[in-house]
Protein backbone atom coordinates (compact mmCIF):
# COMPACT_ATOMS: atom_id res chain seq x y z
CA MET A 1 96.85 100.97 115.19
CA ALA A 2 96.39 97.62 113.40
CA PHE A 3 95.86 97.76 109.65
CA LEU A 4 92.46 95.78 109.99
CA PRO A 5 90.26 94.91 113.00
CA PRO A 6 91.05 91.30 114.28
CA HIS A 7 87.97 89.60 112.98
CA PHE A 8 87.53 91.47 109.63
CA GLN A 9 86.99 89.24 106.68
CA PRO A 10 88.02 90.79 103.45
CA PRO A 11 85.54 90.64 100.61
CA THR A 12 85.71 87.81 98.19
CA GLN A 13 84.35 87.82 94.61
CA ILE A 14 82.29 90.87 93.39
CA ASN A 15 80.62 90.55 90.00
CA THR A 16 79.77 93.48 87.69
CA GLU A 17 78.71 93.53 84.10
CA THR A 18 82.09 94.62 82.95
CA PHE A 19 84.38 92.55 85.10
CA LEU A 20 84.67 90.51 88.32
CA LEU A 21 86.95 91.23 91.22
CA ARG A 22 88.45 88.50 93.36
CA PRO A 23 91.49 87.73 95.16
CA ILE A 24 94.43 86.86 92.92
CA THR A 25 96.16 83.36 93.22
CA ILE A 26 99.10 81.43 91.71
CA HIS A 27 96.48 79.91 89.35
CA ASP A 28 96.16 83.42 87.61
CA VAL A 29 99.81 83.49 86.60
CA ILE A 30 99.43 83.05 82.94
CA LYS A 31 96.76 85.73 82.64
CA ASP A 32 98.60 87.91 84.98
CA TYR A 33 101.92 87.69 83.10
CA ASP A 34 100.26 88.42 79.89
CA ALA A 35 98.51 91.51 81.26
CA VAL A 36 101.73 92.75 83.13
CA MET A 37 104.02 92.28 80.18
CA SER A 38 101.68 93.67 77.55
CA SER A 39 101.14 96.72 79.80
CA ARG A 40 104.68 97.02 81.09
CA ASP A 41 105.16 100.69 79.71
CA HIS A 42 101.91 101.78 81.45
CA LEU A 43 102.68 99.98 84.64
CA TRP A 44 106.19 101.27 84.71
CA GLU A 45 104.97 104.77 84.50
CA ARG A 46 102.87 104.23 87.60
CA PHE A 47 104.97 101.83 89.69
CA GLY A 48 108.53 101.74 88.21
CA GLU A 49 110.10 104.42 90.38
CA MET A 50 108.23 103.37 93.52
CA TRP A 51 108.38 99.68 93.29
CA GLY A 52 110.86 98.82 90.52
CA TRP A 53 107.99 96.92 89.01
CA PRO A 54 107.54 95.34 86.38
CA PRO A 55 111.15 94.84 85.43
CA ALA A 56 111.77 94.48 81.67
CA ASN A 57 113.02 90.88 82.20
CA LEU A 58 110.22 89.73 84.50
CA SER A 59 110.03 85.97 84.01
CA LEU A 60 106.81 83.79 84.25
CA GLU A 61 108.55 82.10 87.21
CA GLN A 62 109.09 85.44 89.05
CA ASP A 63 105.53 86.37 88.33
CA MET A 64 104.40 83.16 90.00
CA ILE A 65 106.56 83.84 93.01
CA ASP A 66 105.09 87.35 93.10
CA LEU A 67 101.45 85.89 92.95
CA ALA A 68 102.31 83.30 95.66
CA TRP A 69 103.64 86.05 97.88
CA HIS A 70 100.33 88.11 97.35
CA GLN A 71 98.30 84.94 97.99
CA LYS A 72 100.17 84.40 101.30
CA GLU A 73 99.88 87.96 102.30
CA ALA A 74 96.16 87.72 101.89
CA GLN A 75 96.13 84.70 104.09
CA LEU A 76 98.10 86.46 106.72
CA HIS A 77 95.63 89.54 106.40
CA SER A 78 98.73 91.79 105.93
CA SER A 79 97.99 93.05 102.40
CA PHE A 80 95.58 92.03 99.47
CA ASN A 81 95.81 91.79 95.77
CA TYR A 82 92.77 91.37 93.78
CA ALA A 83 92.48 90.37 90.06
CA VAL A 84 90.17 92.28 87.78
CA ILE A 85 88.91 89.55 85.48
CA SER A 86 86.84 89.63 82.47
CA PRO A 87 83.22 88.22 82.96
CA ASP A 88 84.10 85.00 81.09
CA GLN A 89 87.20 84.81 83.05
CA SER A 90 89.45 84.38 79.97
CA GLN A 91 91.61 87.51 80.54
CA LEU A 92 93.06 89.41 83.53
CA LEU A 93 92.04 93.06 83.01
CA GLY A 94 94.05 94.73 85.99
CA CYS A 95 94.67 94.45 89.65
CA VAL A 96 93.76 96.25 92.83
CA TYR A 97 96.19 96.33 95.82
CA VAL A 98 95.04 97.10 99.45
CA ASP A 99 98.01 97.61 101.56
CA PRO A 100 98.95 98.95 105.01
CA PRO A 101 99.06 102.74 104.95
CA VAL A 102 102.40 104.62 104.49
CA ILE A 103 100.72 108.24 104.18
CA ASP A 104 99.96 109.81 107.56
CA GLY A 105 96.33 110.12 108.41
CA THR A 106 95.18 107.29 106.09
CA GLU A 107 94.17 103.76 106.95
CA ALA A 108 95.25 102.04 103.80
CA ASP A 109 97.07 102.63 100.57
CA VAL A 110 95.08 101.36 97.65
CA TRP A 111 96.56 101.03 94.07
CA PHE A 112 94.94 99.87 90.87
CA TRP A 113 95.70 99.46 87.26
CA ALA A 114 94.01 98.28 83.91
CA ARG A 115 95.91 96.49 81.24
CA GLN A 116 97.07 98.83 78.56
CA SER A 117 94.67 97.39 75.89
CA GLU A 118 91.73 98.48 78.16
CA LEU A 119 92.76 101.97 78.59
CA ALA A 120 91.05 103.35 75.37
CA GLY A 121 87.82 101.83 76.49
CA GLY A 122 88.03 103.73 79.78
CA LEU A 123 88.33 100.71 82.15
CA GLU A 124 90.79 102.47 84.44
CA SER A 125 88.56 105.60 84.81
CA LYS A 126 85.68 103.29 85.51
CA LEU A 127 87.73 101.38 88.09
CA GLU A 128 88.38 104.39 90.25
CA PRO A 129 84.61 105.16 91.36
CA PHE A 130 83.97 101.43 91.54
CA ILE A 131 86.94 100.73 93.92
CA THR A 132 86.00 103.86 96.01
CA GLN A 133 82.59 102.53 96.52
CA TRP A 134 83.97 98.90 97.10
CA LEU A 135 86.17 100.20 99.85
CA ALA A 136 83.37 102.21 101.35
CA ASP A 137 80.94 99.26 101.41
CA HIS A 138 83.22 96.31 102.13
CA TRP A 139 86.25 97.52 104.08
CA PRO A 140 86.56 99.19 107.60
CA PHE A 141 88.44 102.25 106.38
CA GLN A 142 87.31 105.90 106.49
CA ILE A 143 90.35 107.50 104.75
CA VAL A 144 92.60 105.94 102.29
CA SER A 145 95.20 106.78 99.73
CA LEU A 146 93.93 105.73 96.23
CA ASN A 147 96.75 105.80 93.68
CA LYS A 148 98.43 108.46 95.93
CA GLN A 149 95.32 110.70 96.26
CA VAL A 150 93.78 110.88 99.76
CA ILE A 151 90.08 110.20 99.73
CA GLN A 152 87.51 110.05 102.46
CA LEU A 153 85.32 107.15 102.11
CA LYS A 154 82.90 107.70 104.82
CA PRO A 155 81.74 111.06 106.18
CA ASP A 156 82.64 110.29 109.87
CA ARG A 157 85.94 112.18 109.69
CA THR A 158 87.46 115.22 108.14
CA ILE A 159 90.75 115.03 106.19
């Protein structure tokens, strides 16, 4: 089964009072690099063993290459990376990844994170219900893995 239906158009920008969510591009590299490197310990706990990311020696150039790759994957509809941006667009607050599934019985693997400076304010815990609803409203999936937890987005199927 294909990851996405052939004519599916992924969502673009979503605005909330707390943040906006939009596809990440190479133009976000300075904000992304700052968010990643200032949150490296938090990100390594979540992604280090699985992805080897972010390495301690991540350079701005390597981050730009990573973002260019994410941008190209979105153009190819093979994977999607969204930036969580402050309302004034001055700071990248985190990211959301929508990838093809690797867990049997799911239709996508979705990962998210918030920058370490936003954890005390609860951004990461606020993102989870937002992302769950965003997936249910704007994506064709019924069952996904969200940060390794299998969740049912729409009541049409049982897990």
